[in-house]
Amino acid sequence: METKKTFRIVVADDDLDDQDMIKAAFQKTNDSYEVVPVYNGLQLMDYLFKRESYKHITETPDLIILDLNMPIMDGFDVLSEILHDNVLNKIPIYILSTSWQDRDKQKAIALRARGFYTKPVSLNELKRIFDEVCSVAIKVN
């Protein structure tokens, strides 16, 4: 019997309400997705490098959803650090931010983010975005 691979998604966002809405949208997209929330860029890097409280992590995530505006380490700093790691830079990263600034989008794409979305206000719109993102990311993995 073949075991189905779990699709792991790490969500880096400092807003707990946004984390909850993102998790709900992913579960509405596919209830078998494993969604792991982290509060800021430093926690994301600890997760990716299996440091601190994430030493038990054995898998690399299949997808990262990244906010730009976070305390301690913002999304641009995360993208810059991941860009220079030959293993981590293969993980699809999509920006989900409140920013509407074209310069933020251009900078994120230059740092190899696969896509840039402005945070929607509805769960259905967020689900539509994640349907699109996951259909591409799953094909890549």
N, C-alpha and C. Protein backbone atom coordinates (compact mmCIF):
# COMPACT_ATOMS: atom_id res chain seq x y z
N MET A 1 0.84 -1.18 0.00
CA MET A 1 0.00 0.00 0.00
C MET A 1 0.88 1.25 0.00
N GLU A 2 0.60 2.18 -0.87
CA GLU A 2 1.39 3.39 -1.01
C GLU A 2 0.98 4.41 0.05
N THR A 3 1.99 5.02 0.71
CA THR A 3 1.72 6.05 1.71
C THR A 3 1.70 7.39 1.01
N LYS A 4 0.65 8.17 1.29
CA LYS A 4 0.53 9.49 0.68
C LYS A 4 1.44 10.47 1.41
N LYS A 5 2.22 11.23 0.67
CA LYS A 5 3.13 12.22 1.24
C LYS A 5 2.32 13.40 1.77
N THR A 6 2.66 13.82 2.97
CA THR A 6 2.03 15.01 3.54
C THR A 6 2.66 16.25 2.90
N PHE A 7 1.84 17.19 2.52
CA PHE A 7 2.31 18.45 1.94
C PHE A 7 2.42 19.45 3.08
N ARG A 8 3.66 19.85 3.41
CA ARG A 8 3.91 20.73 4.57
C ARG A 8 4.06 22.18 4.12
N ILE A 9 3.33 23.04 4.80
CA ILE A 9 3.33 24.46 4.49
C ILE A 9 3.70 25.22 5.76
N VAL A 10 4.72 26.06 5.68
CA VAL A 10 5.08 26.91 6.81
C VAL A 10 4.58 28.31 6.49
N VAL A 11 3.86 28.88 7.46
CA VAL A 11 3.31 30.22 7.32
C VAL A 11 4.04 31.13 8.31
N ALA A 12 4.76 32.12 7.79
CA ALA A 12 5.47 33.08 8.64
C ALA A 12 4.70 34.40 8.62
N ASP A 13 4.02 34.67 9.72
CA ASP A 13 3.19 35.88 9.83
C ASP A 13 3.05 36.23 11.31
N ASP A 14 3.28 37.48 11.66
CA ASP A 14 3.23 37.88 13.06
C ASP A 14 1.81 38.18 13.56
N ASP A 15 0.83 38.19 12.67
CA ASP A 15 -0.55 38.44 13.06
C ASP A 15 -1.27 37.11 13.28
N LEU A 16 -1.63 36.83 14.52
CA LEU A 16 -2.24 35.54 14.85
C LEU A 16 -3.58 35.34 14.15
N ASP A 17 -4.35 36.41 13.97
CA ASP A 17 -5.61 36.30 13.24
C ASP A 17 -5.37 35.92 11.79
N ASP A 18 -4.33 36.52 11.18
CA ASP A 18 -3.99 36.16 9.80
C ASP A 18 -3.50 34.71 9.73
N GLN A 19 -2.72 34.28 10.71
CA GLN A 19 -2.28 32.88 10.74
C GLN A 19 -3.49 31.94 10.75
N ASP A 20 -4.46 32.26 11.61
CA ASP A 20 -5.67 31.42 11.70
C ASP A 20 -6.44 31.40 10.39
N MET A 21 -6.58 32.57 9.76
CA MET A 21 -7.32 32.65 8.50
C MET A 21 -6.57 31.89 7.39
N ILE A 22 -5.25 32.01 7.36
CA ILE A 22 -4.45 31.31 6.36
C ILE A 22 -4.57 29.80 6.56
N LYS A 23 -4.47 29.36 7.80
CA LYS A 23 -4.61 27.93 8.08
C LYS A 23 -5.99 27.42 7.66
N ALA A 24 -7.03 28.19 7.97
CA ALA A 24 -8.40 27.79 7.60
C ALA A 24 -8.54 27.72 6.08
N ALA A 25 -7.94 28.67 5.37
CA ALA A 25 -8.03 28.67 3.90
C ALA A 25 -7.30 27.47 3.32
N PHE A 26 -6.15 27.11 3.86
CA PHE A 26 -5.44 25.92 3.38
C PHE A 26 -6.24 24.66 3.66
N GLN A 27 -6.85 24.58 4.84
CA GLN A 27 -7.64 23.39 5.18
C GLN A 27 -8.88 23.31 4.30
N LYS A 28 -9.41 24.46 3.91
CA LYS A 28 -10.55 24.49 2.99
C LYS A 28 -10.11 24.06 1.58
N THR A 29 -8.86 24.37 1.25
CA THR A 29 -8.30 23.97 -0.04
C THR A 29 -8.07 22.46 -0.08
N ASN A 30 -7.46 21.94 1.00
CA ASN A 30 -7.19 20.50 1.10
C ASN A 30 -6.93 20.21 2.58
N ASP A 31 -7.84 19.47 3.20
CA ASP A 31 -7.74 19.27 4.65
C ASP A 31 -6.59 18.35 5.07
N SER A 32 -5.84 17.83 4.11
CA SER A 32 -4.69 16.99 4.47
C SER A 32 -3.37 17.78 4.51
N TYR A 33 -3.41 19.07 4.16
CA TYR A 33 -2.20 19.88 4.25
C TYR A 33 -1.82 20.06 5.72
N GLU A 34 -0.52 19.97 5.99
CA GLU A 34 -0.02 20.26 7.33
C GLU A 34 0.49 21.70 7.31
N VAL A 35 -0.14 22.55 8.10
CA VAL A 35 0.22 23.97 8.15
C VAL A 35 0.91 24.25 9.48
N VAL A 36 2.14 24.78 9.39
CA VAL A 36 2.93 25.10 10.58
C VAL A 36 3.10 26.62 10.63
N PRO A 37 2.54 27.27 11.65
CA PRO A 37 2.71 28.72 11.77
C PRO A 37 3.97 29.08 12.56
N VAL A 38 4.65 30.13 12.13
CA VAL A 38 5.73 30.75 12.90
C VAL A 38 5.46 32.24 12.94
N TYR A 39 5.97 32.90 13.97
CA TYR A 39 5.60 34.28 14.26
C TYR A 39 6.47 35.33 13.56
N ASN A 40 7.69 34.98 13.18
CA ASN A 40 8.56 35.97 12.55
C ASN A 40 9.63 35.27 11.71
N GLY A 41 10.44 36.06 11.05
CA GLY A 41 11.45 35.50 10.17
C GLY A 41 12.51 34.70 10.89
N LEU A 42 12.87 35.11 12.10
CA LEU A 42 13.86 34.36 12.86
C LEU A 42 13.33 32.98 13.22
N GLN A 43 12.07 32.90 13.64
CA GLN A 43 11.48 31.58 13.93
C GLN A 43 11.43 30.73 12.67
N LEU A 44 11.14 31.35 11.53
CA LEU A 44 11.14 30.60 10.27
C LEU A 44 12.53 30.03 9.99
N MET A 45 13.56 30.84 10.16
CA MET A 45 14.91 30.37 9.91
C MET A 45 15.30 29.26 10.90
N ASP A 46 14.88 29.39 12.16
CA ASP A 46 15.11 28.33 13.14
C ASP A 46 14.43 27.04 12.69
N TYR A 47 13.22 27.16 12.18
CA TYR A 47 12.49 25.99 11.68
C TYR A 47 13.24 25.37 10.49
N LEU A 48 13.62 26.19 9.54
CA LEU A 48 14.27 25.68 8.33
C LEU A 48 15.63 25.04 8.61
N PHE A 49 16.37 25.63 9.57
CA PHE A 49 17.69 25.09 9.91
C PHE A 49 17.64 24.14 11.11
N LYS A 50 16.41 23.84 11.56
CA LYS A 50 16.20 22.87 12.65
C LYS A 50 16.97 23.26 13.91
N ARG A 51 16.82 24.54 14.30
CA ARG A 51 17.48 25.06 15.49
C ARG A 51 16.46 25.29 16.61
N GLU A 52 16.99 25.50 17.80
CA GLU A 52 16.18 25.84 18.98
C GLU A 52 15.06 24.82 19.20
N SER A 53 13.83 25.28 19.29
CA SER A 53 12.71 24.37 19.58
C SER A 53 12.28 23.55 18.36
N TYR A 54 12.97 23.71 17.25
CA TYR A 54 12.62 22.97 16.02
C TYR A 54 13.64 21.87 15.70
N LYS A 55 14.46 21.49 16.66
CA LYS A 55 15.50 20.46 16.43
C LYS A 55 14.90 19.11 16.05
N HIS A 56 13.66 18.88 16.42
CA HIS A 56 12.99 17.60 16.14
C HIS A 56 12.46 17.51 14.71
N ILE A 57 12.45 18.60 13.98
CA ILE A 57 11.92 18.63 12.61
C ILE A 57 12.81 17.77 11.71
N THR A 58 12.17 16.91 10.94
CA THR A 58 12.94 16.04 10.04
C THR A 58 12.72 16.37 8.57
N GLU A 59 11.63 17.03 8.25
CA GLU A 59 11.28 17.31 6.86
C GLU A 59 11.50 18.79 6.52
N THR A 60 11.84 19.03 5.29
CA THR A 60 11.88 20.38 4.76
C THR A 60 10.48 20.70 4.25
N PRO A 61 9.99 21.92 4.49
CA PRO A 61 8.63 22.22 4.00
C PRO A 61 8.55 22.21 2.48
N ASP A 62 7.34 21.97 2.00
CA ASP A 62 7.09 21.96 0.56
C ASP A 62 6.76 23.34 0.03
N LEU A 63 6.37 24.23 0.94
CA LEU A 63 5.91 25.56 0.55
C LEU A 63 6.05 26.49 1.74
N ILE A 64 6.41 27.75 1.47
CA ILE A 64 6.46 28.78 2.51
C ILE A 64 5.58 29.94 2.08
N ILE A 65 4.71 30.36 2.99
CA ILE A 65 3.92 31.58 2.81
C ILE A 65 4.53 32.60 3.75
N LEU A 66 4.97 33.73 3.20
CA LEU A 66 5.79 34.67 3.95
C LEU A 66 5.20 36.07 3.94
N ASP A 67 5.03 36.63 5.13
CA ASP A 67 4.66 38.03 5.28
C ASP A 67 5.94 38.86 5.18
N LEU A 68 5.84 40.07 4.71
CA LEU A 68 7.03 40.92 4.62
C LEU A 68 7.29 41.67 5.92
N ASN A 69 6.24 42.18 6.55
CA ASN A 69 6.37 43.05 7.71
C ASN A 69 6.20 42.25 9.00
N MET A 70 7.35 41.83 9.55
CA MET A 70 7.35 41.05 10.79
C MET A 70 8.45 41.60 11.70
N PRO A 71 8.29 41.41 13.02
CA PRO A 71 9.34 41.85 13.94
C PRO A 71 10.55 40.93 13.88
N ILE A 72 11.66 41.41 14.38
CA ILE A 72 12.93 40.71 14.54
C ILE A 72 13.63 40.46 13.20
N MET A 73 12.95 39.80 12.26
CA MET A 73 13.53 39.53 10.94
C MET A 73 12.39 39.59 9.94
N ASP A 74 12.45 40.54 9.02
CA ASP A 74 11.34 40.70 8.08
C ASP A 74 11.46 39.75 6.88
N GLY A 75 10.46 39.77 6.03
CA GLY A 75 10.41 38.86 4.89
C GLY A 75 11.54 39.05 3.90
N PHE A 76 11.98 40.27 3.69
CA PHE A 76 13.09 40.50 2.77
C PHE A 76 14.38 39.88 3.30
N ASP A 77 14.61 40.01 4.61
CA ASP A 77 15.80 39.39 5.21
C ASP A 77 15.75 37.87 5.07
N VAL A 78 14.57 37.30 5.26
CA VAL A 78 14.39 35.85 5.10
C VAL A 78 14.71 35.45 3.66
N LEU A 79 14.12 36.15 2.70
CA LEU A 79 14.38 35.83 1.29
C LEU A 79 15.86 35.92 0.96
N SER A 80 16.53 36.94 1.47
CA SER A 80 17.97 37.11 1.21
C SER A 80 18.77 35.94 1.77
N GLU A 81 18.42 35.51 2.98
CA GLU A 81 19.16 34.40 3.60
C GLU A 81 18.89 33.08 2.86
N ILE A 82 17.64 32.85 2.51
CA ILE A 82 17.29 31.61 1.81
C ILE A 82 17.92 31.56 0.42
N LEU A 83 18.00 32.70 -0.23
CA LEU A 83 18.57 32.78 -1.57
C LEU A 83 19.97 32.17 -1.64
N HIS A 84 20.73 32.30 -0.57
CA HIS A 84 22.12 31.85 -0.56
C HIS A 84 22.30 30.43 -0.03
N ASP A 85 21.21 29.72 0.23
CA ASP A 85 21.30 28.34 0.70
C ASP A 85 20.84 27.40 -0.42
N ASN A 86 21.71 26.51 -0.85
CA ASN A 86 21.43 25.66 -2.01
C ASN A 86 20.31 24.65 -1.80
N VAL A 87 19.96 24.34 -0.58
CA VAL A 87 18.83 23.44 -0.31
C VAL A 87 17.55 24.23 -0.16
N LEU A 88 17.60 25.25 0.70
CA LEU A 88 16.40 26.02 1.00
C LEU A 88 15.89 26.84 -0.18
N ASN A 89 16.78 27.28 -1.07
CA ASN A 89 16.33 28.14 -2.16
C ASN A 89 15.50 27.39 -3.21
N LYS A 90 15.33 26.08 -3.02
CA LYS A 90 14.46 25.31 -3.91
C LYS A 90 13.02 25.25 -3.42
N ILE A 91 12.78 25.69 -2.18
CA ILE A 91 11.42 25.68 -1.62
C ILE A 91 10.63 26.84 -2.24
N PRO A 92 9.46 26.57 -2.80
CA PRO A 92 8.65 27.68 -3.33
C PRO A 92 8.21 28.61 -2.19
N ILE A 93 8.43 29.89 -2.39
CA ILE A 93 8.05 30.90 -1.40
C ILE A 93 7.11 31.89 -2.08
N TYR A 94 5.97 32.11 -1.43
CA TYR A 94 5.00 33.08 -1.92
C TYR A 94 4.79 34.14 -0.84
N ILE A 95 4.79 35.38 -1.26
CA ILE A 95 4.59 36.49 -0.35
C ILE A 95 3.09 36.75 -0.22
N LEU A 96 2.66 36.91 1.03
CA LEU A 96 1.29 37.31 1.33
C LEU A 96 1.41 38.46 2.31
N SER A 97 1.21 39.67 1.81
CA SER A 97 1.51 40.87 2.58
C SER A 97 0.39 41.90 2.46
N THR A 98 0.39 42.84 3.37
CA THR A 98 -0.55 43.96 3.27
C THR A 98 -0.04 45.01 2.28
N SER A 99 1.19 44.87 1.84
CA SER A 99 1.80 45.86 0.95
C SER A 99 1.16 45.84 -0.44
N TRP A 100 0.91 47.03 -0.94
CA TRP A 100 0.46 47.23 -2.32
C TRP A 100 1.58 47.85 -3.16
N GLN A 101 2.74 48.06 -2.55
CA GLN A 101 3.83 48.76 -3.19
C GLN A 101 4.48 47.92 -4.29
N ASP A 102 4.56 48.47 -5.49
CA ASP A 102 5.18 47.77 -6.61
C ASP A 102 6.65 47.49 -6.32
N ARG A 103 7.33 48.41 -5.62
CA ARG A 103 8.75 48.20 -5.31
C ARG A 103 8.95 46.99 -4.39
N ASP A 104 7.99 46.74 -3.47
CA ASP A 104 8.08 45.57 -2.60
C ASP A 104 7.92 44.29 -3.42
N LYS A 105 6.97 44.31 -4.35
CA LYS A 105 6.77 43.15 -5.21
C LYS A 105 8.01 42.89 -6.05
N GLN A 106 8.56 43.93 -6.67
CA GLN A 106 9.75 43.77 -7.51
C GLN A 106 10.94 43.25 -6.71
N LYS A 107 11.11 43.76 -5.50
CA LYS A 107 12.22 43.32 -4.65
C LYS A 107 12.05 41.86 -4.25
N ALA A 108 10.82 41.47 -3.88
CA ALA A 108 10.55 40.09 -3.48
C ALA A 108 10.79 39.13 -4.65
N ILE A 109 10.34 39.50 -5.83
CA ILE A 109 10.54 38.65 -7.01
C ILE A 109 12.03 38.57 -7.37
N ALA A 110 12.74 39.69 -7.22
CA ALA A 110 14.19 39.68 -7.48
C ALA A 110 14.92 38.75 -6.51
N LEU A 111 14.36 38.59 -5.30
CA LEU A 111 14.94 37.69 -4.30
C LEU A 111 14.37 36.27 -4.44
N ARG A 112 13.74 36.00 -5.57
CA ARG A 112 13.24 34.69 -5.98
C ARG A 112 11.96 34.21 -5.29
N ALA A 113 11.16 35.13 -4.80
CA ALA A 113 9.81 34.73 -4.38
C ALA A 113 9.09 34.31 -5.66
N ARG A 114 8.28 33.26 -5.57
CA ARG A 114 7.59 32.74 -6.76
C ARG A 114 6.33 33.54 -7.10
N GLY A 115 5.82 34.27 -6.11
CA GLY A 115 4.63 35.07 -6.35
C GLY A 115 4.41 36.04 -5.22
N PHE A 116 3.58 37.04 -5.47
CA PHE A 116 3.33 38.10 -4.49
C PHE A 116 1.84 38.39 -4.50
N TYR A 117 1.23 38.26 -3.35
CA TYR A 117 -0.20 38.53 -3.21
C TYR A 117 -0.42 39.52 -2.07
N THR A 118 -1.34 40.44 -2.29
CA THR A 118 -1.76 41.32 -1.23
C THR A 118 -2.84 40.60 -0.43
N LYS A 119 -2.74 40.69 0.89
CA LYS A 119 -3.67 39.96 1.75
C LYS A 119 -5.11 40.34 1.43
N PRO A 120 -5.93 39.34 1.14
CA PRO A 120 -7.35 39.60 0.89
C PRO A 120 -8.11 39.68 2.21
N VAL A 121 -9.32 40.16 2.12
CA VAL A 121 -10.12 40.29 3.34
C VAL A 121 -11.05 39.10 3.56
N SER A 122 -11.24 38.28 2.55
CA SER A 122 -12.19 37.17 2.71
C SER A 122 -11.48 35.82 2.66
N LEU A 123 -12.04 34.88 3.38
CA LEU A 123 -11.54 33.51 3.39
C LEU A 123 -11.63 32.89 2.00
N ASN A 124 -12.72 33.16 1.27
CA ASN A 124 -12.89 32.60 -0.07
C ASN A 124 -11.83 33.11 -1.05
N GLU A 125 -11.49 34.38 -0.94
CA GLU A 125 -10.45 34.93 -1.81
C GLU A 125 -9.09 34.32 -1.46
N LEU A 126 -8.83 34.15 -0.18
CA LEU A 126 -7.59 33.51 0.25
C LEU A 126 -7.53 32.06 -0.23
N LYS A 127 -8.64 31.35 -0.17
CA LYS A 127 -8.71 29.98 -0.67
C LYS A 127 -8.41 29.94 -2.16
N ARG A 128 -8.96 30.89 -2.92
CA ARG A 128 -8.70 30.95 -4.36
C ARG A 128 -7.20 31.13 -4.63
N ILE A 129 -6.56 32.00 -3.87
CA ILE A 129 -5.11 32.21 -4.01
C ILE A 129 -4.36 30.91 -3.73
N PHE A 130 -4.73 30.23 -2.64
CA PHE A 130 -4.02 29.01 -2.25
C PHE A 130 -4.29 27.85 -3.21
N ASP A 131 -5.48 27.81 -3.80
CA ASP A 131 -5.73 26.81 -4.85
C ASP A 131 -4.71 26.99 -5.97
N GLU A 132 -4.51 28.23 -6.37
CA GLU A 132 -3.58 28.56 -7.45
C GLU A 132 -2.14 28.25 -7.04
N VAL A 133 -1.73 28.70 -5.86
CA VAL A 133 -0.37 28.50 -5.38
C VAL A 133 -0.06 27.01 -5.23
N CYS A 134 -0.96 26.28 -4.62
CA CYS A 134 -0.70 24.85 -4.37
C CYS A 134 -0.70 24.03 -5.65
N SER A 135 -1.52 24.39 -6.61
CA SER A 135 -1.52 23.63 -7.87
C SER A 135 -0.16 23.74 -8.56
N VAL A 136 0.49 24.88 -8.43
CA VAL A 136 1.82 25.07 -9.01
C VAL A 136 2.87 24.40 -8.12
N ALA A 137 2.81 24.64 -6.82
CA ALA A 137 3.83 24.12 -5.90
C ALA A 137 3.84 22.60 -5.84
N ILE A 138 2.69 21.96 -5.90
CA ILE A 138 2.65 20.51 -5.85
C ILE A 138 3.27 19.91 -7.11
N LYS A 139 3.07 20.54 -8.26
CA LYS A 139 3.69 20.06 -9.49
C LYS A 139 5.20 20.15 -9.42
N VAL A 140 5.71 21.20 -8.76
CA VAL A 140 7.14 21.41 -8.64
C VAL A 140 7.77 20.34 -7.76
N ASN A 141 7.06 19.96 -6.69
CA ASN A 141 7.59 18.94 -5.75
C ASN A 141 7.33 17.62 -6.32
